[in-house]
Amino acid sequence: MRKITANAVRQPANLSIDSQLMREAKGLNVNVSRAAEAGIAEAVAAEKTRLWKLENHATMDAWNDYVEKHGIPRSQHRQF
């Protein structure tokens, strides 16, 4: 996941957030901007992972088929 740094250039954004959730966050002194940023970073990482899996699905299936038929290459040299 991408590391969020304090000195990153920030861009203002308008967000609609549940009012009860905002009251709770403010009452708990949660930095809403940083929390939103962390949530967005997590969503971006998850989407990148999902897309990578879609793009590489055929290759992963081919590799799994190979291993199923032939075993793990050079497994006889493994020491674990």
PDB file of N, CA and C in Angstrom:
ATOM      1  N   MET A   1       0.849  -1.181   0.000  1.00  0.00           N
ATOM      2  CA  MET A   1       0.000   0.000   0.000  1.00  0.00           C
ATOM      3  C   MET A   1       0.887   1.234   0.000  1.00  0.00           C
ATOM      4  N   ARG A   2       0.457   2.269  -0.645  1.00  0.00           N
ATOM      5  CA  ARG A   2       1.188   3.523  -0.746  1.00  0.00           C
ATOM      6  C   ARG A   2       1.293   4.181   0.623  1.00  0.00           C
ATOM      7  N   LYS A   3       2.501   4.648   0.946  1.00  0.00           N
ATOM      8  CA  LYS A   3       2.708   5.315   2.226  1.00  0.00           C
ATOM      9  C   LYS A   3       2.223   6.758   2.115  1.00  0.00           C
ATOM     10  N   ILE A   4       1.462   7.186   3.080  1.00  0.00           N
ATOM     11  CA  ILE A   4       0.952   8.551   3.123  1.00  0.00           C
ATOM     12  C   ILE A   4       1.926   9.375   3.946  1.00  0.00           C
ATOM     13  N   THR A   5       2.459  10.426   3.355  1.00  0.00           N
ATOM     14  CA  THR A   5       3.436  11.243   4.061  1.00  0.00           C
ATOM     15  C   THR A   5       2.833  12.579   4.447  1.00  0.00           C
ATOM     16  N   ALA A   6       3.322  13.128   5.536  1.00  0.00           N
ATOM     17  CA  ALA A   6       2.800  14.399   6.056  1.00  0.00           C
ATOM     18  C   ALA A   6       3.117  15.562   5.130  1.00  0.00           C
ATOM     19  N   ASN A   7       4.221  15.470   4.387  1.00  0.00           N
ATOM     20  CA  ASN A   7       4.617  16.595   3.540  1.00  0.00           C
ATOM     21  C   ASN A   7       4.175  16.441   2.080  1.00  0.00           C
ATOM     22  N   ALA A   8       3.273  15.506   1.801  1.00  0.00           N
ATOM     23  CA  ALA A   8       2.770  15.328   0.437  1.00  0.00           C
ATOM     24  C   ALA A   8       1.944  16.545   0.033  1.00  0.00           C
ATOM     25  N   VAL A   9       1.962  16.850  -1.255  1.00  0.00           N
ATOM     26  CA  VAL A   9       1.131  17.941  -1.769  1.00  0.00           C
ATOM     27  C   VAL A   9      -0.318  17.484  -1.691  1.00  0.00           C
ATOM     28  N   ARG A  10      -1.131  18.278  -1.095  1.00  0.00           N
ATOM     29  CA  ARG A  10      -2.528  17.904  -0.885  1.00  0.00           C
ATOM     30  C   ARG A  10      -3.441  18.726  -1.795  1.00  0.00           C
ATOM     31  N   GLN A  11      -4.535  18.118  -2.179  1.00  0.00           N
ATOM     32  CA  GLN A  11      -5.522  18.754  -3.038  1.00  0.00           C
ATOM     33  C   GLN A  11      -6.840  18.808  -2.288  1.00  0.00           C
ATOM     34  N   PRO A  12      -7.454  19.973  -2.233  1.00  0.00           N
ATOM     35  CA  PRO A  12      -8.762  20.063  -1.562  1.00  0.00           C
ATOM     36  C   PRO A  12      -9.801  19.215  -2.299  1.00  0.00           C
ATOM     37  N   ALA A  13     -10.731  18.662  -1.534  1.00  0.00           N
ATOM     38  CA  ALA A  13     -11.791  17.851  -2.135  1.00  0.00           C
ATOM     39  C   ALA A  13     -13.074  18.060  -1.349  1.00  0.00           C
ATOM     40  N   ASN A  14     -14.173  18.020  -2.044  1.00  0.00           N
ATOM     41  CA  ASN A  14     -15.484  18.097  -1.399  1.00  0.00           C
ATOM     42  C   ASN A  14     -16.013  16.682  -1.249  1.00  0.00           C
ATOM     43  N   LEU A  15     -16.345  16.306  -0.028  1.00  0.00           N
ATOM     44  CA  LEU A  15     -16.852  14.970   0.240  1.00  0.00           C
ATOM     45  C   LEU A  15     -18.185  15.051   0.956  1.00  0.00           C
ATOM     46  N   SER A  16     -19.035  14.113   0.682  1.00  0.00           N
ATOM     47  CA  SER A  16     -20.288  13.988   1.426  1.00  0.00           C
ATOM     48  C   SER A  16     -20.128  12.808   2.358  1.00  0.00           C
ATOM     49  N   ILE A  17     -20.217  13.087   3.654  1.00  0.00           N
ATOM     50  CA  ILE A  17     -20.005  12.054   4.664  1.00  0.00           C
ATOM     51  C   ILE A  17     -21.198  12.068   5.610  1.00  0.00           C
ATOM     52  N   ASP A  18     -21.619  10.898   6.018  1.00  0.00           N
ATOM     53  CA  ASP A  18     -22.731  10.741   6.944  1.00  0.00           C
ATOM     54  C   ASP A  18     -22.537  11.685   8.141  1.00  0.00           C
ATOM     55  N   SER A  19     -23.550  12.487   8.439  1.00  0.00           N
ATOM     56  CA  SER A  19     -23.436  13.505   9.479  1.00  0.00           C
ATOM     57  C   SER A  19     -23.195  12.904  10.866  1.00  0.00           C
ATOM     58  N   GLN A  20     -23.827  11.779  11.169  1.00  0.00           N
ATOM     59  CA  GLN A  20     -23.603  11.129  12.464  1.00  0.00           C
ATOM     60  C   GLN A  20     -22.154  10.661  12.585  1.00  0.00           C
ATOM     61  N   LEU A  21     -21.627  10.115  11.508  1.00  0.00           N
ATOM     62  CA  LEU A  21     -20.238   9.663  11.503  1.00  0.00           C
ATOM     63  C   LEU A  21     -19.286  10.841  11.716  1.00  0.00           C
ATOM     64  N   MET A  22     -19.577  11.970  11.090  1.00  0.00           N
ATOM     65  CA  MET A  22     -18.748  13.164  11.263  1.00  0.00           C
ATOM     66  C   MET A  22     -18.788  13.647  12.711  1.00  0.00           C
ATOM     67  N   ARG A  23     -19.966  13.640  13.330  1.00  0.00           N
ATOM     68  CA  ARG A  23     -20.066  14.053  14.741  1.00  0.00           C
ATOM     69  C   ARG A  23     -19.229  13.141  15.633  1.00  0.00           C
ATOM     70  N   GLU A  24     -19.335  11.841  15.375  1.00  0.00           N
ATOM     71  CA  GLU A  24     -18.548  10.899  16.168  1.00  0.00           C
ATOM     72  C   GLU A  24     -17.051  11.118  15.966  1.00  0.00           C
ATOM     73  N   ALA A  25     -16.642  11.293  14.727  1.00  0.00           N
ATOM     74  CA  ALA A  25     -15.222  11.499  14.428  1.00  0.00           C
ATOM     75  C   ALA A  25     -14.699  12.754  15.114  1.00  0.00           C
ATOM     76  N   LYS A  26     -15.449  13.835  15.015  1.00  0.00           N
ATOM     77  CA  LYS A  26     -15.033  15.083  15.666  1.00  0.00           C
ATOM     78  C   LYS A  26     -15.002  14.921  17.180  1.00  0.00           C
ATOM     79  N   GLY A  27     -15.984  14.215  17.730  1.00  0.00           N
ATOM     80  CA  GLY A  27     -16.017  13.982  19.169  1.00  0.00           C
ATOM     81  C   GLY A  27     -14.846  13.153  19.661  1.00  0.00           C
ATOM     82  N   LEU A  28     -14.300  12.327  18.792  1.00  0.00           N
ATOM     83  CA  LEU A  28     -13.158  11.483  19.141  1.00  0.00           C
ATOM     84  C   LEU A  28     -11.831  12.086  18.671  1.00  0.00           C
ATOM     85  N   ASN A  29     -11.904  13.319  18.181  1.00  0.00           N
ATOM     86  CA  ASN A  29     -10.712  14.014  17.665  1.00  0.00           C
ATOM     87  C   ASN A  29     -10.007  13.256  16.545  1.00  0.00           C
ATOM     88  N   VAL A  30     -10.787  12.615  15.688  1.00  0.00           N
ATOM     89  CA  VAL A  30     -10.237  11.929  14.522  1.00  0.00           C
ATOM     90  C   VAL A  30      -9.924  12.968  13.453  1.00  0.00           C
ATOM     91  N   ASN A  31      -8.733  12.908  12.880  1.00  0.00           N
ATOM     92  CA  ASN A  31      -8.373  13.776  11.766  1.00  0.00           C
ATOM     93  C   ASN A  31      -9.091  13.213  10.539  1.00  0.00           C
ATOM     94  N   VAL A  32     -10.212  13.817  10.203  1.00  0.00           N
ATOM     95  CA  VAL A  32     -11.081  13.293   9.145  1.00  0.00           C
ATOM     96  C   VAL A  32     -10.373  13.310   7.793  1.00  0.00           C
ATOM     97  N   SER A  33      -9.619  14.339   7.514  1.00  0.00           N
ATOM     98  CA  SER A  33      -8.900  14.405   6.241  1.00  0.00           C
ATOM     99  C   SER A  33      -7.927  13.242   6.103  1.00  0.00           C
ATOM    100  N   ARG A  34      -7.157  12.990   7.156  1.00  0.00           N
ATOM    101  CA  ARG A  34      -6.177  11.893   7.105  1.00  0.00           C
ATOM    102  C   ARG A  34      -6.886  10.541   7.061  1.00  0.00           C
ATOM    103  N   ALA A  35      -7.978  10.410   7.795  1.00  0.00           N
ATOM    104  CA  ALA A  35      -8.721   9.157   7.782  1.00  0.00           C
ATOM    105  C   ALA A  35      -9.308   8.894   6.394  1.00  0.00           C
ATOM    106  N   ALA A  36      -9.848   9.938   5.769  1.00  0.00           N
ATOM    107  CA  ALA A  36     -10.392   9.789   4.419  1.00  0.00           C
ATOM    108  C   ALA A  36      -9.273   9.433   3.439  1.00  0.00           C
ATOM    109  N   GLU A  37      -8.146  10.102   3.580  1.00  0.00           N
ATOM    110  CA  GLU A  37      -7.000   9.839   2.708  1.00  0.00           C
ATOM    111  C   GLU A  37      -6.532   8.383   2.851  1.00  0.00           C
ATOM    112  N   ALA A  38      -6.468   7.898   4.079  1.00  0.00           N
ATOM    113  CA  ALA A  38      -6.057   6.512   4.303  1.00  0.00           C
ATOM    114  C   ALA A  38      -7.066   5.534   3.687  1.00  0.00           C
ATOM    115  N   GLY A  39      -8.343   5.844   3.832  1.00  0.00           N
ATOM    116  CA  GLY A  39      -9.374   4.992   3.239  1.00  0.00           C
ATOM    117  C   GLY A  39      -9.319   4.976   1.725  1.00  0.00           C
ATOM    118  N   ILE A  40      -9.069   6.140   1.136  1.00  0.00           N
ATOM    119  CA  ILE A  40      -8.951   6.222  -0.326  1.00  0.00           C
ATOM    120  C   ILE A  40      -7.713   5.464  -0.788  1.00  0.00           C
ATOM    121  N   ALA A  41      -6.605   5.604  -0.071  1.00  0.00           N
ATOM    122  CA  ALA A  41      -5.382   4.878  -0.423  1.00  0.00           C
ATOM    123  C   ALA A  41      -5.615   3.372  -0.379  1.00  0.00           C
ATOM    124  N   GLU A  42      -6.345   2.926   0.626  1.00  0.00           N
ATOM    125  CA  GLU A  42      -6.662   1.499   0.740  1.00  0.00           C
ATOM    126  C   GLU A  42      -7.538   1.042  -0.424  1.00  0.00           C
ATOM    127  N   ALA A  43      -8.527   1.844  -0.798  1.00  0.00           N
ATOM    128  CA  ALA A  43      -9.412   1.500  -1.915  1.00  0.00           C
ATOM    129  C   ALA A  43      -8.637   1.464  -3.233  1.00  0.00           C
ATOM    130  N   VAL A  44      -7.711   2.397  -3.417  1.00  0.00           N
ATOM    131  CA  VAL A  44      -6.887   2.427  -4.637  1.00  0.00           C
ATOM    132  C   VAL A  44      -6.017   1.171  -4.701  1.00  0.00           C
ATOM    133  N   ALA A  45      -5.384   0.816  -3.589  1.00  0.00           N
ATOM    134  CA  ALA A  45      -4.541  -0.379  -3.563  1.00  0.00           C
ATOM    135  C   ALA A  45      -5.361  -1.636  -3.861  1.00  0.00           C
ATOM    136  N   ALA A  46      -6.550  -1.733  -3.295  1.00  0.00           N
ATOM    137  CA  ALA A  46      -7.409  -2.893  -3.530  1.00  0.00           C
ATOM    138  C   ALA A  46      -7.815  -2.978  -4.998  1.00  0.00           C
ATOM    139  N   GLU A  47      -8.127  -1.841  -5.597  1.00  0.00           N
ATOM    140  CA  GLU A  47      -8.523  -1.840  -7.016  1.00  0.00           C
ATOM    141  C   GLU A  47      -7.347  -2.200  -7.911  1.00  0.00           C
ATOM    142  N   LYS A  48      -6.164  -1.696  -7.589  1.00  0.00           N
ATOM    143  CA  LYS A  48      -4.973  -2.064  -8.373  1.00  0.00           C
ATOM    144  C   LYS A  48      -4.724  -3.566  -8.295  1.00  0.00           C
ATOM    145  N   THR A  49      -4.897  -4.140  -7.112  1.00  0.00           N
ATOM    146  CA  THR A  49      -4.722  -5.582  -6.940  1.00  0.00           C
ATOM    147  C   THR A  49      -5.748  -6.350  -7.751  1.00  0.00           C
ATOM    148  N   ARG A  50      -6.996  -5.901  -7.693  1.00  0.00           N
ATOM    149  CA  ARG A  50      -8.065  -6.567  -8.460  1.00  0.00           C
ATOM    150  C   ARG A  50      -7.770  -6.530  -9.956  1.00  0.00           C
ATOM    151  N   LEU A  51      -7.348  -5.372 -10.451  1.00  0.00           N
ATOM    152  CA  LEU A  51      -7.035  -5.237 -11.878  1.00  0.00           C
ATOM    153  C   LEU A  51      -5.835  -6.095 -12.271  1.00  0.00           C
ATOM    154  N   TRP A  52      -4.803  -6.143 -11.401  1.00  0.00           N
ATOM    155  CA  TRP A  52      -3.627  -6.968 -11.688  1.00  0.00           C
ATOM    156  C   TRP A  52      -4.039  -8.428 -11.814  1.00  0.00           C
ATOM    157  N   LYS A  53      -4.888  -8.889 -10.896  1.00  0.00           N
ATOM    158  CA  LYS A  53      -5.347 -10.276 -10.940  1.00  0.00           C
ATOM    159  C   LYS A  53      -6.128 -10.561 -12.213  1.00  0.00           C
ATOM    160  N   LEU A  54      -6.967  -9.619 -12.644  1.00  0.00           N
ATOM    161  CA  LEU A  54      -7.700  -9.797 -13.899  1.00  0.00           C
ATOM    162  C   LEU A  54      -6.758  -9.871 -15.089  1.00  0.00           C
ATOM    163  N   GLU A  55      -5.782  -8.972 -15.114  1.00  0.00           N
ATOM    164  CA  GLU A  55      -4.842  -8.910 -16.240  1.00  0.00           C
ATOM    165  C   GLU A  55      -3.934 -10.134 -16.294  1.00  0.00           C
ATOM    166  N   ASN A  56      -3.654 -10.750 -15.158  1.00  0.00           N
ATOM    167  CA  ASN A  56      -2.703 -11.852 -15.096  1.00  0.00           C
ATOM    168  C   ASN A  56      -3.365 -13.200 -14.822  1.00  0.00           C
ATOM    169  N   HIS A  57      -4.672 -13.232 -14.918  1.00  0.00           N
ATOM    170  CA  HIS A  57      -5.429 -14.447 -14.624  1.00  0.00           C
ATOM    171  C   HIS A  57      -4.974 -15.624 -15.487  1.00  0.00           C
ATOM    172  N   ALA A  58      -4.837 -15.420 -16.779  1.00  0.00           N
ATOM    173  CA  ALA A  58      -4.469 -16.506 -17.693  1.00  0.00           C
ATOM    174  C   ALA A  58      -3.084 -17.047 -17.357  1.00  0.00           C
ATOM    175  N   THR A  59      -2.152 -16.151 -17.057  1.00  0.00           N
ATOM    176  CA  THR A  59      -0.795 -16.582 -16.717  1.00  0.00           C
ATOM    177  C   THR A  59      -0.785 -17.376 -15.419  1.00  0.00           C
ATOM    178  N   MET A  60      -1.513 -16.908 -14.428  1.00  0.00           N
ATOM    179  CA  MET A  60      -1.568 -17.631 -13.153  1.00  0.00           C
ATOM    180  C   MET A  60      -2.209 -19.002 -13.326  1.00  0.00           C
ATOM    181  N   ASP A  61      -3.264 -19.086 -14.140  1.00  0.00           N
ATOM    182  CA  ASP A  61      -3.901 -20.373 -14.396  1.00  0.00           C
ATOM    183  C   ASP A  61      -2.938 -21.324 -15.111  1.00  0.00           C
ATOM    184  N   ALA A  62      -2.205 -20.795 -16.097  1.00  0.00           N
ATOM    185  CA  ALA A  62      -1.249 -21.620 -16.835  1.00  0.00           C
ATOM    186  C   ALA A  62      -0.161 -22.143 -15.897  1.00  0.00           C
ATOM    187  N   TRP A  63       0.338 -21.284 -15.020  1.00  0.00           N
ATOM    188  CA  TRP A  63       1.361 -21.710 -14.065  1.00  0.00           C
ATOM    189  C   TRP A  63       0.806 -22.771 -13.112  1.00  0.00           C
ATOM    190  N   ASN A  64      -0.387 -22.558 -12.599  1.00  0.00           N
ATOM    191  CA  ASN A  64      -0.991 -23.540 -11.698  1.00  0.00           C
ATOM    192  C   ASN A  64      -1.189 -24.878 -12.398  1.00  0.00           C
ATOM    193  N   ASP A  65      -1.605 -24.854 -13.675  1.00  0.00           N
ATOM    194  CA  ASP A  65      -1.761 -26.092 -14.440  1.00  0.00           C
ATOM    195  C   ASP A  65      -0.423 -26.804 -14.598  1.00  0.00           C
ATOM    196  N   TYR A  66       0.623 -26.035 -14.888  1.00  0.00           N
ATOM    197  CA  TYR A  66       1.962 -26.609 -15.049  1.00  0.00           C
ATOM    198  C   TYR A  66       2.405 -27.291 -13.756  1.00  0.00           C
ATOM    199  N   VAL A  67       2.255 -26.594 -12.639  1.00  0.00           N
ATOM    200  CA  VAL A  67       2.677 -27.142 -11.353  1.00  0.00           C
ATOM    201  C   VAL A  67       1.860 -28.388 -11.009  1.00  0.00           C
ATOM    202  N   GLU A  68       0.583 -28.362 -11.319  1.00  0.00           N
ATOM    203  CA  GLU A  68      -0.263 -29.521 -11.048  1.00  0.00           C
ATOM    204  C   GLU A  68       0.203 -30.737 -11.857  1.00  0.00           C
ATOM    205  N   LYS A  69       0.607 -30.516 -13.104  1.00  0.00           N
ATOM    206  CA  LYS A  69       1.027 -31.614 -13.978  1.00  0.00           C
ATOM    207  C   LYS A  69       2.462 -32.049 -13.721  1.00  0.00           C
ATOM    208  N   HIS A  70       3.362 -31.093 -13.458  1.00  0.00           N
ATOM    209  CA  HIS A  70       4.795 -31.391 -13.416  1.00  0.00           C
ATOM    210  C   HIS A  70       5.439 -31.174 -12.043  1.00  0.00           C
ATOM    211  N   GLY A  71       4.721 -30.605 -11.130  1.00  0.00           N
ATOM    212  CA  GLY A  71       5.304 -30.287  -9.826  1.00  0.00           C
ATOM    213  C   GLY A  71       6.039 -28.949  -9.885  1.00  0.00           C
ATOM    214  N   ILE A  72       6.566 -28.543  -8.741  1.00  0.00           N
ATOM    215  CA  ILE A  72       7.288 -27.274  -8.663  1.00  0.00           C
ATOM    216  C   ILE A  72       8.672 -27.465  -9.272  1.00  0.00           C
ATOM    217  N   PRO A  73       9.057 -26.602 -10.213  1.00  0.00           N
ATOM    218  CA  PRO A  73      10.381 -26.737 -10.832  1.00  0.00           C
ATOM    219  C   PRO A  73      11.486 -26.729  -9.771  1.00  0.00           C
ATOM    220  N   ARG A  74      12.453 -27.609  -9.973  1.00  0.00           N
ATOM    221  CA  ARG A  74      13.633 -27.723  -9.116  1.00  0.00           C
ATOM    222  C   ARG A  74      13.290 -28.011  -7.649  1.00  0.00           C
ATOM    223  N   SER A  75      12.138 -28.603  -7.414  1.00  0.00           N
ATOM    224  CA  SER A  75      11.741 -28.882  -6.036  1.00  0.00           C
ATOM    225  C   SER A  75      12.701 -29.839  -5.349  1.00  0.00           C
ATOM    226  N   GLN A  76      13.398 -30.664  -6.141  1.00  0.00           N
ATOM    227  CA  GLN A  76      14.349 -31.584  -5.552  1.00  0.00           C
ATOM    228  C   GLN A  76      15.542 -30.871  -4.930  1.00  0.00           C
ATOM    229  N   HIS A  77      15.749 -29.599  -5.273  1.00  0.00           N
ATOM    230  CA  HIS A  77      16.858 -28.825  -4.724  1.00  0.00           C
ATOM    231  C   HIS A  77      16.454 -27.992  -3.528  1.00  0.00           C
ATOM    232  N   ARG A  78      15.185 -27.990  -3.190  1.00  0.00           N
ATOM    233  CA  ARG A  78      14.716 -27.187  -2.054  1.00  0.00           C
ATOM    234  C   ARG A  78      15.206 -27.787  -0.753  1.00  0.00           C
ATOM    235  N   GLN A  79      15.549 -26.932   0.183  1.00  0.00           N
ATOM    236  CA  GLN A  79      16.023 -27.405   1.480  1.00  0.00           C
ATOM    237  C   GLN A  79      14.991 -27.176   2.580  1.00  0.00           C
ATOM    238  N   PHE A  80      13.747 -26.913   2.191  1.00  0.00           N
ATOM    239  CA  PHE A  80      12.690 -26.719   3.184  1.00  0.00           C
ATOM    240  C   PHE A  80      11.462 -27.483   2.780  1.00  0.00           C
TER     241      PHE A  80
END
